[in-house]
């Protein structure tokens, strides 16, 4: 299955079955997390069989259940941390989907994480991980002309990139990003709001993974 199809199949899931994640799946995710950490300087950690993080008032308020596994996106504090966490976190999200798992980006509705956070580091976000009770549902999208500068005259590759960008999960589905094509170069910027820099990293990964072109 190609990456765009995986993006189309992946939706946020908050209720999980409690089925254990097999060792071969854990090994594949560990290999990718290690690769992401080496490339980015992040300290992404995957925690299994650890239900305490989602056994909290906030998690119940967020309608989470059966979450025993999660990815902790941890990194050194810095201006680019949120965007990097989004970019590499989504890489893991799509790999998890390919491996038959479900996921949900979780910013605040969780309890205390068991991740190892060193001095000078912070936990940016958590990704719930496991076998969902359902496969979730697709989110609504803004019109593409609100999100890029060339909606009326798009090259095919850019059109595919925008399709991928629209499939990117964003905090409360806010889609506060704008993608520009000028002289063959693609750039993207985040609007104002909660977690928009992290959302931008997710969007950039989607666009790059489908088109093979770098987004500045």
Protein backbone atom coordinates (compact mmCIF):
# COMPACT_ATOMS: atom_id res chain seq x y z
CA UNK A 1 0.00 0.00 0.00
CA UNK A 2 1.39 3.42 -0.89
CA UNK A 3 1.81 6.19 1.67
CA UNK A 4 -1.18 8.23 0.45
CA UNK A 5 -3.48 5.22 0.90
CA UNK A 6 -2.14 4.74 4.44
CA UNK A 7 -2.89 8.42 5.16
CA UNK A 8 -6.45 7.97 3.86
CA UNK A 9 -7.03 4.94 6.10
CA UNK A 10 -5.61 6.51 9.25
CA UNK A 11 -8.06 8.29 11.59
CA UNK A 12 -7.88 9.29 15.26
CA UNK A 13 -9.02 6.52 17.61
CA UNK A 14 -9.67 7.03 21.33
CA UNK A 15 -11.02 3.61 22.40
CA UNK A 16 -8.73 0.58 22.34
CA UNK A 17 -9.37 -3.13 22.72
CA UNK A 18 -6.55 -3.99 25.12
CA UNK A 19 -5.09 -6.53 22.68
CA UNK A 20 -1.32 -6.83 23.18
CA UNK A 21 0.99 -5.45 20.51
CA UNK A 22 3.10 -8.30 19.10
CA UNK A 23 6.89 -8.32 19.37
CA UNK A 24 7.46 -8.07 15.59
CA UNK A 25 5.36 -4.89 15.50
CA UNK A 26 7.21 -3.50 18.53
CA UNK A 27 10.53 -4.23 16.85
CA UNK A 28 9.51 -2.43 13.64
CA UNK A 29 8.38 0.64 15.58
CA UNK A 30 11.52 0.60 17.76
CA UNK A 31 13.71 0.54 14.64
CA UNK A 32 11.92 3.55 13.16
CA UNK A 33 11.91 5.46 16.47
CA UNK A 34 15.67 4.92 16.74
CA UNK A 35 16.15 6.16 13.18
CA UNK A 36 14.01 9.25 13.89
CA UNK A 37 15.95 10.02 17.08
CA UNK A 38 19.31 9.76 15.32
CA UNK A 39 18.14 12.00 12.48
CA UNK A 40 16.37 14.63 14.60
CA UNK A 41 18.10 14.67 17.98
CA UNK A 42 14.74 13.96 19.65
CA UNK A 43 14.26 11.39 22.43
CA UNK A 44 11.11 9.63 21.18
CA UNK A 45 10.14 6.80 23.55
CA UNK A 46 7.53 4.08 23.05
CA UNK A 47 5.97 2.77 26.26
CA UNK A 48 4.05 -0.50 26.28
CA UNK A 49 1.71 -2.08 28.83
CA UNK A 50 1.61 1.16 30.82
CA UNK A 51 -2.05 2.07 31.48
CA UNK A 52 -1.44 4.66 34.21
CA UNK A 53 -0.88 7.58 31.83
CA UNK A 54 -4.46 7.32 30.57
CA UNK A 55 -6.03 6.40 33.90
CA UNK A 56 -6.74 9.99 34.86
CA UNK A 57 -9.62 12.46 35.05
CA UNK A 58 -8.33 14.26 31.95
CA UNK A 59 -8.12 11.05 29.93
CA UNK A 60 -11.67 10.07 30.89
CA UNK A 61 -12.80 13.60 30.01
CA UNK A 62 -11.12 13.11 26.62
CA UNK A 63 -13.13 9.86 26.19
CA UNK A 64 -10.03 7.65 26.09
CA UNK A 65 -10.34 4.01 27.12
CA UNK A 66 -8.14 0.92 26.93
CA UNK A 67 -4.96 2.93 26.20
CA UNK A 68 -2.08 0.77 27.47
CA UNK A 69 0.59 1.90 25.01
CA UNK A 70 1.79 5.29 23.80
CA UNK A 71 4.57 7.19 22.10
CA UNK A 72 6.14 10.01 24.14
CA UNK A 73 7.57 12.80 21.99
CA UNK A 74 10.42 14.20 24.07
CA UNK A 75 13.21 16.54 23.01
CA UNK A 76 15.57 19.34 23.99
CA UNK A 77 13.79 22.63 24.55
CA UNK A 78 14.16 24.93 21.55
CA UNK A 79 12.29 26.99 18.97
CA UNK A 80 12.01 24.08 16.52
CA UNK A 81 11.05 21.36 19.03
CA UNK A 82 7.28 21.37 18.37
CA UNK A 83 7.66 21.20 14.60
CA UNK A 84 10.24 18.39 14.82
CA UNK A 85 8.01 16.43 17.20
CA UNK A 86 5.11 16.74 14.75
CA UNK A 87 7.20 15.73 11.75
CA UNK A 88 8.81 12.64 13.26
CA UNK A 89 5.78 11.71 15.38
CA UNK A 90 3.63 11.51 12.25
CA UNK A 91 6.25 9.31 10.60
CA UNK A 92 5.69 6.84 13.46
CA UNK A 93 1.89 7.29 13.31
CA UNK A 94 1.79 6.27 9.64
CA UNK A 95 4.14 3.33 10.25
CA UNK A 96 1.85 2.18 13.07
CA UNK A 97 -1.12 2.39 10.68
CA UNK A 98 0.78 0.36 8.08
CA UNK A 99 1.44 -2.28 10.75
CA UNK A 100 -2.27 -2.54 11.56
CA UNK A 101 -2.37 -0.33 14.65
CA UNK A 102 -4.45 2.74 15.47
CA UNK A 103 -3.31 6.03 16.99
CA UNK A 104 -4.42 9.37 18.38
CA UNK A 105 -2.40 12.54 18.96
CA UNK A 106 -2.98 13.62 22.58
CA UNK A 107 -1.81 17.02 23.80
CA UNK A 108 -3.42 17.55 27.19
CA UNK A 109 -6.01 14.89 27.98
CA UNK A 110 -3.66 12.38 29.59
CA UNK A 111 -2.10 11.84 33.00
CA UNK A 112 1.56 11.64 33.99
CA UNK A 113 3.75 9.94 31.43
CA UNK A 114 6.34 7.32 32.40
CA UNK A 115 8.78 8.71 29.81
CA UNK A 116 12.33 9.55 30.83
CA UNK A 117 12.63 13.33 30.54
CA UNK A 118 16.14 14.64 31.19
CA UNK A 119 17.19 18.11 32.28
CA UNK A 120 16.68 20.61 29.47
CA UNK A 121 14.11 18.36 27.76
CA UNK A 122 10.33 18.52 27.64
CA UNK A 123 7.46 16.27 26.70
CA UNK A 124 5.74 17.87 23.71
CA UNK A 125 2.93 15.44 23.08
CA UNK A 126 1.80 11.84 23.45
CA UNK A 127 0.43 9.50 20.78
CA UNK A 128 -1.99 6.80 21.96
CA UNK A 129 -1.16 3.47 20.30
CA UNK A 130 -2.88 0.10 20.00
CA UNK A 131 -5.64 -1.90 18.36
CA UNK A 132 -8.71 0.32 18.14
CA UNK A 133 -12.24 -0.75 18.93
CA UNK A 134 -13.09 1.07 15.65
CA UNK A 135 -11.01 2.52 12.82
CA UNK A 136 -12.20 6.08 13.52
CA UNK A 137 -13.78 8.47 11.02
CA UNK A 138 -12.42 11.02 8.56
CA UNK A 139 -12.15 14.66 9.62
CA UNK A 140 -13.73 17.58 7.77
CA UNK A 141 -11.48 19.78 5.63
CA UNK A 142 -11.25 23.44 4.84
CA UNK A 143 -11.49 24.32 1.11
CA UNK A 144 -8.06 23.86 -0.49
CA UNK A 145 -8.04 27.48 -1.76
CA UNK A 146 -7.86 28.63 1.88
CA UNK A 147 -4.73 26.58 2.48
CA UNK A 148 -2.45 27.27 -0.51
CA UNK A 149 -1.59 30.00 -3.01
CA UNK A 150 -2.23 28.16 -6.28
CA UNK A 151 -5.52 26.30 -5.93
CA UNK A 152 -6.69 27.23 -9.45
CA UNK A 153 -3.53 26.24 -11.33
CA UNK A 154 -1.87 23.37 -9.52
CA UNK A 155 0.79 21.07 -10.97
CA UNK A 156 -0.16 17.40 -10.48
CA UNK A 157 2.55 16.74 -7.90
CA UNK A 158 1.49 19.79 -5.86
CA UNK A 159 -2.14 18.66 -6.03
CA UNK A 160 -1.11 15.29 -4.57
CA UNK A 161 0.90 17.08 -1.88
CA UNK A 162 -2.12 19.18 -0.94
CA UNK A 163 -4.32 16.09 -0.81
CA UNK A 164 -1.82 14.61 1.65
CA UNK A 165 -1.67 17.87 3.64
CA UNK A 166 -5.46 17.89 3.99
CA UNK A 167 -5.29 14.35 5.41
CA UNK A 168 -2.84 15.46 8.14
CA UNK A 169 -4.25 15.42 11.67
CA UNK A 170 -4.21 18.85 13.35
CA UNK A 171 -5.15 19.93 16.88
CA UNK A 172 -8.96 20.18 17.16
CA UNK A 173 -8.93 19.87 13.36
CA UNK A 174 -7.94 23.54 13.06
CA UNK A 175 -5.88 23.22 9.82
CA UNK A 176 -4.06 26.51 10.53
CA UNK A 177 -1.38 26.14 7.87
CA UNK A 178 -0.68 27.75 4.51
CA UNK A 179 1.43 26.22 1.73
CA UNK A 180 3.07 28.35 -0.95
CA UNK A 181 4.55 27.34 -4.31
CA UNK A 182 6.90 29.91 -5.85
CA UNK A 183 9.48 29.23 -8.59
CA UNK A 184 9.23 25.48 -7.95
CA UNK A 185 9.96 25.85 -4.23
CA UNK A 186 7.44 24.83 -1.58
CA UNK A 187 7.20 26.55 1.77
CA UNK A 188 4.70 26.24 4.60
CA UNK A 189 3.86 28.41 7.57
CA UNK A 190 1.76 27.98 10.67
CA UNK A 191 -1.05 30.27 11.77
CA UNK A 192 -1.62 31.37 15.35
CA UNK A 193 -3.17 29.02 17.87
CA UNK A 194 -2.54 26.00 20.08
CA UNK A 195 -0.05 23.43 18.78
CA UNK A 196 0.10 24.99 15.30
CA UNK A 197 3.88 24.48 15.06
CA UNK A 198 3.47 20.80 15.82
CA UNK A 199 0.63 20.63 13.28
CA UNK A 200 2.96 22.27 10.73
CA UNK A 201 5.51 19.48 11.24
CA UNK A 202 2.80 16.87 10.64
CA UNK A 203 1.62 18.66 7.49
CA UNK A 204 5.18 19.00 6.15
CA UNK A 205 5.79 15.29 6.63
CA UNK A 206 2.60 14.42 4.75
CA UNK A 207 3.47 16.70 1.82
CA UNK A 208 7.09 15.50 1.61
CA UNK A 209 6.27 11.79 1.99
CA UNK A 210 3.86 11.89 -0.98
CA UNK A 211 5.71 14.27 -3.32
CA UNK A 212 9.35 13.58 -2.45
CA UNK A 213 9.91 17.35 -2.42
CA UNK A 214 11.25 19.32 0.51
CA UNK A 215 8.99 21.84 2.23
CA UNK A 216 10.80 24.85 3.67
